[in-house]
Structures are given as C-alpha cells and as structure tokens.
C-alpha atoms as a PDB file:
ATOM      1  CA  UNK A   1      14.363  -8.751   4.039  1.00  0.00           C
ATOM      2  CA  UNK A   2      13.757 -12.349   5.014  1.00  0.00           C
ATOM      3  CA  UNK A   3      11.377 -12.929   7.875  1.00  0.00           C
ATOM      4  CA  UNK A   4      11.324 -16.186   9.808  1.00  0.00           C
ATOM      5  CA  UNK A   5       8.543 -18.474   8.650  1.00  0.00           C
ATOM      6  CA  UNK A   6       6.106 -19.622  11.278  1.00  0.00           C
ATOM      7  CA  UNK A   7       6.202 -23.427  11.144  1.00  0.00           C
ATOM      8  CA  UNK A   8       3.291 -24.085  13.466  1.00  0.00           C
ATOM      9  CA  UNK A   9       0.449 -22.060  14.883  1.00  0.00           C
ATOM     10  CA  UNK A  10      -0.654 -24.765  17.325  1.00  0.00           C
ATOM     11  CA  UNK A  11       0.569 -22.858  20.394  1.00  0.00           C
ATOM     12  CA  UNK A  12      -1.072 -19.573  19.369  1.00  0.00           C
ATOM     13  CA  UNK A  13      -4.475 -18.369  20.541  1.00  0.00           C
ATOM     14  CA  UNK A  14      -7.360 -18.373  18.082  1.00  0.00           C
ATOM     15  CA  UNK A  15      -7.121 -14.577  17.769  1.00  0.00           C
ATOM     16  CA  UNK A  16      -3.381 -14.765  17.073  1.00  0.00           C
ATOM     17  CA  UNK A  17      -3.939 -17.476  14.443  1.00  0.00           C
ATOM     18  CA  UNK A  18      -6.484 -15.272  12.670  1.00  0.00           C
ATOM     19  CA  UNK A  19      -4.048 -12.342  12.777  1.00  0.00           C
ATOM     20  CA  UNK A  20      -1.262 -14.522  11.305  1.00  0.00           C
ATOM     21  CA  UNK A  21      -3.587 -15.652   8.500  1.00  0.00           C
ATOM     22  CA  UNK A  22      -4.683 -12.079   7.807  1.00  0.00           C
ATOM     23  CA  UNK A  23      -1.110 -10.775   7.724  1.00  0.00           C
ATOM     24  CA  UNK A  24      -0.015 -13.675   5.513  1.00  0.00           C
ATOM     25  CA  UNK A  25      -2.741 -12.842   2.980  1.00  0.00           C
ATOM     26  CA  UNK A  26      -1.861  -9.126   3.060  1.00  0.00           C
ATOM     27  CA  UNK A  27       1.815  -9.964   2.549  1.00  0.00           C
ATOM     28  CA  UNK A  28       1.031 -12.173  -0.457  1.00  0.00           C
ATOM     29  CA  UNK A  29      -1.120  -9.440  -2.037  1.00  0.00           C
ATOM     30  CA  UNK A  30       1.555  -6.814  -1.387  1.00  0.00           C
ATOM     31  CA  UNK A  31       4.263  -8.986  -2.926  1.00  0.00           C
ATOM     32  CA  UNK A  32       2.072  -9.526  -5.991  1.00  0.00           C
ATOM     33  CA  UNK A  33       1.467  -5.806  -6.406  1.00  0.00           C
ATOM     34  CA  UNK A  34       5.130  -4.938  -5.894  1.00  0.00           C
ATOM     35  CA  UNK A  35       6.060  -7.413  -8.629  1.00  0.00           C
ATOM     36  CA  UNK A  36       3.559  -5.750 -10.980  1.00  0.00           C
ATOM     37  CA  UNK A  37       4.903  -2.280 -10.137  1.00  0.00           C
ATOM     38  CA  UNK A  38       8.484  -3.484 -10.607  1.00  0.00           C
ATOM     39  CA  UNK A  39       7.584  -4.860 -14.049  1.00  0.00           C
ATOM     40  CA  UNK A  40       5.925  -1.549 -15.003  1.00  0.00           C
ATOM     41  CA  UNK A  41       9.073   0.316 -13.967  1.00  0.00           C
ATOM     42  CA  UNK A  42      11.348  -2.021 -15.938  1.00  0.00           C
ATOM     43  CA  UNK A  43       9.152  -1.710 -19.019  1.00  0.00           C
ATOM     44  CA  UNK A  44       9.008   2.088 -18.730  1.00  0.00           C
ATOM     45  CA  UNK A  45      12.769   2.371 -18.260  1.00  0.00           C
ATOM     46  CA  UNK A  46      13.429   0.009 -21.162  1.00  0.00           C
ATOM     47  CA  UNK A  47      11.253   2.129 -23.448  1.00  0.00           C
ATOM     48  CA  UNK A  48      12.557   5.447 -22.117  1.00  0.00           C
ATOM     49  CA  UNK A  49      15.572   5.377 -24.438  1.00  0.00           C
ATOM     50  CA  UNK A  50      13.421   4.974 -27.571  1.00  0.00           C
ATOM     51  CA  UNK A  51      12.263   8.049 -29.478  1.00  0.00           C
ATOM     52  CA  UNK A  52       8.575   7.238 -29.013  1.00  0.00           C
ATOM     53  CA  UNK A  53       8.144   5.240 -25.842  1.00  0.00           C
ATOM     54  CA  UNK A  54       4.867   3.374 -25.510  1.00  0.00           C
ATOM     55  CA  UNK A  55       4.788   3.951 -21.776  1.00  0.00           C
ATOM     56  CA  UNK A  56       5.605   7.204 -20.055  1.00  0.00           C
ATOM     57  CA  UNK A  57       6.995   6.940 -16.556  1.00  0.00           C
ATOM     58  CA  UNK A  58       4.336   8.512 -14.365  1.00  0.00           C
ATOM     59  CA  UNK A  59       6.152   8.827 -11.054  1.00  0.00           C
ATOM     60  CA  UNK A  60       3.152  10.156  -9.167  1.00  0.00           C
ATOM     61  CA  UNK A  61       0.969   7.208 -10.187  1.00  0.00           C
ATOM     62  CA  UNK A  62       3.690   4.736  -9.236  1.00  0.00           C
ATOM     63  CA  UNK A  63       4.187   6.401  -5.854  1.00  0.00           C
ATOM     64  CA  UNK A  64       0.440   6.292  -5.216  1.00  0.00           C
ATOM     65  CA  UNK A  65       0.402   2.600  -6.188  1.00  0.00           C
ATOM     66  CA  UNK A  66       3.222   1.913  -3.748  1.00  0.00           C
ATOM     67  CA  UNK A  67       1.538   3.862  -0.949  1.00  0.00           C
ATOM     68  CA  UNK A  68      -1.709   2.021  -1.515  1.00  0.00           C
ATOM     69  CA  UNK A  69      -0.076  -1.375  -1.006  1.00  0.00           C
ATOM     70  CA  UNK A  70       2.414  -0.604   1.764  1.00  0.00           C
ATOM     71  CA  UNK A  71       0.248   1.595   3.970  1.00  0.00           C
ATOM     72  CA  UNK A  72      -0.127   0.099   7.423  1.00  0.00           C
ATOM     73  CA  UNK A  73      -3.693  -0.618   8.442  1.00  0.00           C
ATOM     74  CA  UNK A  74      -5.055   2.036  10.797  1.00  0.00           C
ATOM     75  CA  UNK A  75      -2.267   4.527  10.154  1.00  0.00           C
ATOM     76  CA  UNK A  76      -4.577   7.163   8.655  1.00  0.00           C
ATOM     77  CA  UNK A  77      -4.448   8.588   5.159  1.00  0.00           C
ATOM     78  CA  UNK A  78      -1.389   9.057   2.977  1.00  0.00           C
ATOM     79  CA  UNK A  79      -1.615  12.804   3.636  1.00  0.00           C
ATOM     80  CA  UNK A  80      -0.889  12.204   7.315  1.00  0.00           C
ATOM     81  CA  UNK A  81      -4.414  12.922   8.538  1.00  0.00           C
ATOM     82  CA  UNK A  82      -6.860  10.428   9.949  1.00  0.00           C
ATOM     83  CA  UNK A  83     -10.106   9.920   8.066  1.00  0.00           C
ATOM     84  CA  UNK A  84     -11.879  11.498  11.061  1.00  0.00           C
ATOM     85  CA  UNK A  85      -9.983  14.787  10.630  1.00  0.00           C
ATOM     86  CA  UNK A  86     -12.215  15.903   7.759  1.00  0.00           C
ATOM     87  CA  UNK A  87     -15.415  15.306   9.715  1.00  0.00           C
ATOM     88  CA  UNK A  88     -13.964  17.029  12.767  1.00  0.00           C
ATOM     89  CA  UNK A  89     -12.876  20.022  10.669  1.00  0.00           C
ATOM     90  CA  UNK A  90     -16.303  20.304   9.061  1.00  0.00           C
ATOM     91  CA  UNK A  91     -18.072  20.208  12.415  1.00  0.00           C
ATOM     92  CA  UNK A  92     -15.773  22.931  13.784  1.00  0.00           C
ATOM     93  CA  UNK A  93     -16.175  25.228  10.782  1.00  0.00           C
ATOM     94  CA  UNK A  94     -18.788  27.975  11.038  1.00  0.00           C
ATOM     95  CA  UNK A  95     -20.387  28.513   7.616  1.00  0.00           C
ATOM     96  CA  UNK A  96     -22.790  31.283   8.703  1.00  0.00           C
ATOM     97  CA  UNK A  97     -22.640  34.671   6.978  1.00  0.00           C
END
C-alpha cells in the first residue's frame, strides 16, 4: 500500500506537525521490524526442507512479534481488553471467606 507523501508541513498546526513526525517515526520502526520478521520467515522456510533445520518456525512468536509492531496506539491489549480491565476486575472481586 502506497500512501501519499506529505511534501510540506508548513500549513499544518504545531500539534499536527508533531503528530506527523511521531507517525513517521512509528512507520519507519514498523517497516524495519516487518523486514526483520520477513527475513526470519524466509530463513525458517528455507531451512524447513532440510532434515535438521537450524531454525524452527515458531508461529506463535512470529504472530506476537507482528502484533507488537502493528498494534494501534490506545487500542488496548492484544487480548481485546483495555489495561484498565484488570484493575477494574480486581476491585470488583470480593476475596473474603
């Protein structure tokens, strides 16, 4: 997916400029991590056909890596709950005997 490149930020507010810079940095980091994950997958698949592969394809670890780098900020945890859910649950739980 090719996104249009912002040529100039001169007409944007200061807050919008900071947001553009922040998103640009996050995008660069995500692209870097996706390249690393892609290389791990290629290496694992290449070695899969050998009798004793050096790398085993750990799908769960790769999925967790992907989730870590593509999760949208403020969207809660990967399990679908917000980080506040645990505290709320604990405060609503009666532990008396």
